[in-house]
């Protein structure tokens, strides 16, 4: 259980690093490490198929995307603006506000199969799933811009 908490804190640090970095190469490395950490958590929870698909689809797609984008476009390195810092801090405040309500939520013991995981993810945790997808989309676009 301690390993999962360490990986979760590592995921938060890597997600912030993806958004706050100014180098597209470092954003790529942070994104790949972020997805590999999520894959490790899924694998340790027993979702082997999802972990494999996650690694193949997302890490492979990011690698190919950045390979072609960096080869074709000359990207200028920009400095970190105050608007970016304010946006990240406001996003963190919103995430803390939404996570306060779910502090005592525990996953049921029957969530060992992929069907139960999907049911839980898209029914009772749908708001967290949408926020997670929004955060990953912002991180992807932030690393490109």
Protein backbone atom coordinates (compact mmCIF):
# COMPACT_ATOMS: atom_id res chain seq x y z
CA UNK A 1 0.00 0.00 0.00
CA UNK A 2 2.93 2.32 0.70
CA UNK A 3 4.18 1.74 -2.85
CA UNK A 4 0.85 2.92 -4.25
CA UNK A 5 0.97 6.11 -2.18
CA UNK A 6 4.52 6.77 -3.34
CA UNK A 7 3.48 6.22 -6.96
CA UNK A 8 0.44 8.51 -6.54
CA UNK A 9 2.58 11.31 -5.15
CA UNK A 10 5.01 10.74 -8.01
CA UNK A 11 2.10 11.04 -10.46
CA UNK A 12 1.12 14.41 -9.00
CA UNK A 13 4.70 15.71 -9.25
CA UNK A 14 5.07 14.46 -12.82
CA UNK A 15 1.72 15.96 -13.89
CA UNK A 16 2.76 19.34 -12.51
CA UNK A 17 6.14 18.99 -14.21
CA UNK A 18 4.45 18.36 -17.58
CA UNK A 19 2.38 21.51 -17.25
CA UNK A 20 5.10 23.77 -15.84
CA UNK A 21 8.06 22.81 -18.02
CA UNK A 22 8.99 24.98 -20.97
CA UNK A 23 10.96 22.39 -22.94
CA UNK A 24 8.92 20.08 -25.17
CA UNK A 25 11.47 17.30 -24.77
CA UNK A 26 11.21 17.39 -20.99
CA UNK A 27 7.41 17.54 -21.25
CA UNK A 28 7.58 14.38 -23.36
CA UNK A 29 9.76 12.62 -20.79
CA UNK A 30 7.52 13.69 -17.92
CA UNK A 31 4.42 12.54 -19.84
CA UNK A 32 5.91 9.14 -20.58
CA UNK A 33 6.98 8.71 -16.96
CA UNK A 34 3.51 9.81 -15.84
CA UNK A 35 1.82 7.20 -18.01
CA UNK A 36 4.27 4.50 -16.91
CA UNK A 37 3.53 5.30 -13.26
CA UNK A 38 -0.20 5.00 -13.91
CA UNK A 39 0.49 1.72 -15.70
CA UNK A 40 2.43 0.43 -12.68
CA UNK A 41 -0.44 1.29 -10.35
CA UNK A 42 -2.96 -0.44 -12.61
CA UNK A 43 -0.71 -3.49 -12.81
CA UNK A 44 -0.23 -3.65 -9.04
CA UNK A 45 -4.01 -3.43 -8.52
CA UNK A 46 -4.52 -6.44 -10.78
CA UNK A 47 -5.70 -4.73 -13.98
CA UNK A 48 -3.05 -6.30 -16.21
CA UNK A 49 -4.89 -5.84 -19.51
CA UNK A 50 -5.63 -2.17 -18.87
CA UNK A 51 -2.03 -1.55 -17.85
CA UNK A 52 -0.73 -3.13 -21.05
CA UNK A 53 -3.15 -1.22 -23.26
CA UNK A 54 -2.38 2.01 -21.40
CA UNK A 55 1.33 1.61 -22.04
CA UNK A 56 0.98 0.61 -25.68
CA UNK A 57 -1.57 3.23 -26.67
CA UNK A 58 -0.59 6.33 -24.72
CA UNK A 59 3.18 6.01 -24.43
CA UNK A 60 3.47 4.87 -28.04
CA UNK A 61 1.19 7.63 -29.31
CA UNK A 62 3.07 10.30 -27.36
CA UNK A 63 6.41 9.08 -28.64
CA UNK A 64 5.28 9.07 -32.27
CA UNK A 65 3.50 12.42 -31.93
CA UNK A 66 6.50 14.19 -30.47
CA UNK A 67 8.88 12.54 -32.91
CA UNK A 68 7.07 14.00 -35.90
CA UNK A 69 6.17 17.34 -34.32
CA UNK A 70 9.71 18.05 -33.18
CA UNK A 71 11.17 16.94 -36.51
CA UNK A 72 8.85 19.16 -38.58
CA UNK A 73 8.34 22.25 -36.45
CA UNK A 74 10.95 24.46 -34.87
CA UNK A 75 9.66 25.06 -31.35
CA UNK A 76 10.88 28.11 -29.50
CA UNK A 77 11.39 27.79 -25.77
CA UNK A 78 9.27 30.28 -23.87
CA UNK A 79 9.54 31.45 -20.31
CA UNK A 80 7.07 30.53 -17.62
CA UNK A 81 4.52 33.32 -17.33
CA UNK A 82 2.51 34.38 -14.32
CA UNK A 83 -0.70 33.35 -16.09
CA UNK A 84 0.54 29.77 -16.25
CA UNK A 85 1.39 29.74 -12.56
CA UNK A 86 -2.01 31.25 -11.70
CA UNK A 87 -3.78 28.69 -13.87
CA UNK A 88 -1.96 25.79 -12.22
CA UNK A 89 -2.65 27.13 -8.73
CA UNK A 90 -6.34 27.65 -9.49
CA UNK A 91 -6.53 24.13 -10.96
CA UNK A 92 -4.96 22.74 -7.77
CA UNK A 93 -7.47 24.66 -5.64
CA UNK A 94 -10.36 23.25 -7.67
CA UNK A 95 -8.96 19.72 -7.38
CA UNK A 96 -8.60 20.08 -3.61
CA UNK A 97 -12.18 21.34 -3.40
CA UNK A 98 -13.53 18.36 -5.33
CA UNK A 99 -11.37 15.83 -3.50
CA UNK A 100 -12.60 16.97 -0.08
CA UNK A 101 -15.99 15.34 -0.66
CA UNK A 102 -14.42 12.02 -1.69
CA UNK A 103 -11.95 11.74 1.19
CA UNK A 104 -13.79 8.88 2.91
CA UNK A 105 -14.71 6.95 -0.22
CA UNK A 106 -13.47 3.37 -0.31
CA UNK A 107 -13.55 1.12 -3.33
CA UNK A 108 -15.53 -2.08 -2.90
CA UNK A 109 -13.67 -5.37 -2.53
CA UNK A 110 -15.50 -6.79 -5.54
CA UNK A 111 -13.70 -4.41 -7.93
CA UNK A 112 -11.32 -7.12 -9.12
CA UNK A 113 -12.76 -7.53 -12.57
CA UNK A 114 -12.62 -5.10 -15.43
CA UNK A 115 -16.41 -4.84 -15.54
CA UNK A 116 -16.68 -3.74 -11.93
CA UNK A 117 -13.84 -1.28 -12.40
CA UNK A 118 -15.54 0.25 -15.44
CA UNK A 119 -18.87 0.40 -13.65
CA UNK A 120 -17.30 2.17 -10.70
CA UNK A 121 -15.28 4.48 -12.92
CA UNK A 122 -18.20 5.61 -15.08
CA UNK A 123 -21.00 5.69 -12.50
CA UNK A 124 -20.02 6.79 -9.01
CA UNK A 125 -16.64 8.28 -9.98
CA UNK A 126 -17.67 9.85 -13.28
CA UNK A 127 -16.90 13.38 -12.14
CA UNK A 128 -13.38 12.37 -11.15
CA UNK A 129 -12.93 10.57 -14.47
CA UNK A 130 -13.96 13.69 -16.38
CA UNK A 131 -11.65 15.89 -14.31
CA UNK A 132 -8.79 13.44 -14.88
CA UNK A 133 -9.36 13.40 -18.63
CA UNK A 134 -9.51 17.20 -18.66
CA UNK A 135 -6.26 17.43 -16.71
CA UNK A 136 -4.51 14.99 -19.06
CA UNK A 137 -5.79 16.87 -22.11
CA UNK A 138 -4.57 20.19 -20.70
CA UNK A 139 -1.20 18.62 -19.91
CA UNK A 140 -0.92 17.28 -23.45
CA UNK A 141 -1.82 20.61 -25.06
CA UNK A 142 0.35 22.48 -22.57
CA UNK A 143 3.35 20.41 -23.55
CA UNK A 144 2.72 21.14 -27.23
CA UNK A 145 2.28 24.88 -26.79
